[in-house]
Amino acid sequence: MQRASGILMSITSLPSPYGIGTIGKEARDFADFLETAGQKIWQLLPVCPTSYGDSPYQSFSTYAGNPYLIDLDYLAEEGLLDKDTLEKISWGDDPEKVDYETIYNNRFNVLRTAYNNFKQHDQKEFRRFKIRNAAWLKDYALYMAVKQSFGMCSWTEWPDESIRNREQNAVEKYTRKYRDEINFWKFLQFKFYQQWNSFREYVNSKNVILMGDMPIYVALDSADVWANPEIFWLNEEKQPVCVAGCPPDYFSETGQLWGNPLYNWEYLKETNYTWWFNRIKAASKLFDLTRIDHFRAFDAYYAIPFPAEDAKNGSWYEGPGIEFFLEMKKAIGDIPIVAEDLGTHTESLEQLLEDSGYPGMKVLQFAFDSGEANNHLPHHYIENSIVYTGTHDNDTLLGWQNKANAYDINSAVDYCGITDDEGFCSGIIRTAYESKSNYVIIQMQDWLELGTEARMNIPSTLGENWVWRIDKRALTTKLANKIKTMCKITGRMGDT
């Protein structure tokens, strides 16, 4: 694909009558908008189930789809739900924010109704789905059923040591005990993947590709760690020895303490990285292009002794390096990947990017840091890269303009040649489009010139993250034409 552009927009941020965006009609409408706007890439946030804190980067499973994204109207069209009943349920008071507590309390009750009604329908495709996906689905569904029975606490806190340690007799016992509940969780995945495949086919028909986000780490509270503890750096009690994060940086003076268990790379190498390759292969079935979050951990990763209050006292360890990707290409082919390489660059990381051939990322908000020269300034860009105005972890452009120090903003205005008539947000976006980078991705919030109230995430915080939703009326033909004109002027109509 040559010189193209796209939009970063979480599915959860789409309009819908049920409190959160789904892979239903509104998602198709947004694909129509992208086509009209001359866009070739729709970048998503992770679509796996969310746990405490509602972060898509902390999931119960690296393979499962988020039940929140299942479209309820489509289930109603199948006769599994009653539309009138759905309209009487509260899904939150603010249509421009996701109320996760309300969604959690109400949506699963609705999905259980759909499941009970589904029992009267033909099960042939469902049975095929369960057989095709048994490698991960059996563990995930059992995990969620047992987790539900123990009040949703993490597997490390389950009171029954035998199932906590996944002893075979306990697995058989709980599988019998919660057979129907296990089938419910499998049903949710059946419907998610059924709807997802239809959604992806529609998006691709608009000459738009899906760029998905795959977190490099998985949550401790996940079926992945419970079912595969040997893959992770755990002690004899199956507690993390060290956890993931990053040292003090642009986002936090005390660093970012993510808390994810780190990998046992020696064991993974001995097993030919099979677990990892299966994970990447699964992502390639969801997305046309996979962005691996925190790519630099393949070169070197930051390990924070567990437990810890912050991320200041970690140490760096060498990652698997280029060997991992060479072996991956032998095992599963040349999967299209984008490397999220943000953070401090080292010579070894630069070499890994060059050797892998994957495009890295540039962020214009990082380019104007108190006048310091850095590789986020557009004159340093190479073609094999993706430029952003900001990512989901940044403030919006308008929010940044209002909060950053005056020197940084004036530097951006001077460098980009922004005039009062053009406006700050439009000028920064134009600079991204004019850059040498083959690909440019703009947050939807920046095209709409929204402020901090529309920010998606503030790293190292819990609370009002991941909640922003778009007003459907904002997706106008006028805006689509404005974006398409920018594509034409800068040679970004793409050729997929």
Foldseek 3Di string as FASTA:
>chain_A
DFQAEAAEDAQQQFFDLQQGGALDDRLLVVLVLCLLLLHAEYEYEAQAAADPLRDSLEHQDLQFGHLLRQDVVVLVVVVLAPPVVSNVQDQDDDRFWRPVVSCVVPVVVRLVSSVVSCVVDDCVVLVVLCVVPVVQLLLQLLLVQQCVVQVNDFLLPRPDVCVSQPPPVVSVVSCVVCVVSSVSSSVSRSSRVVSLVVSQVSSVVSNHWYEYEREPFYASRYSVCSVCVQQFQADPSSHAQWAFWAQQDPQHNQTFGPGTTHTPQVVCVVVLVVVVLVSLVSVVVRGQEYEYPQLCVQAKGWTGGPPDPTRHDTDIDGHVALVSVVSSCVVPRLRHYAYAHDDDDDPSSVVRCVVNVHAYEAECLVCQDVNDHDCNPQVNDAQRYEYEPDDLQDWAQLQCCVPPDPNSQVVQCVSQVDDPVCDSLNSSQLVRLQGNHRYYYYYPCSLLVDGRVQRADRGPDRDRHNIGHDDPVSSDSVSSHVSNVSCVVSVHSDDD
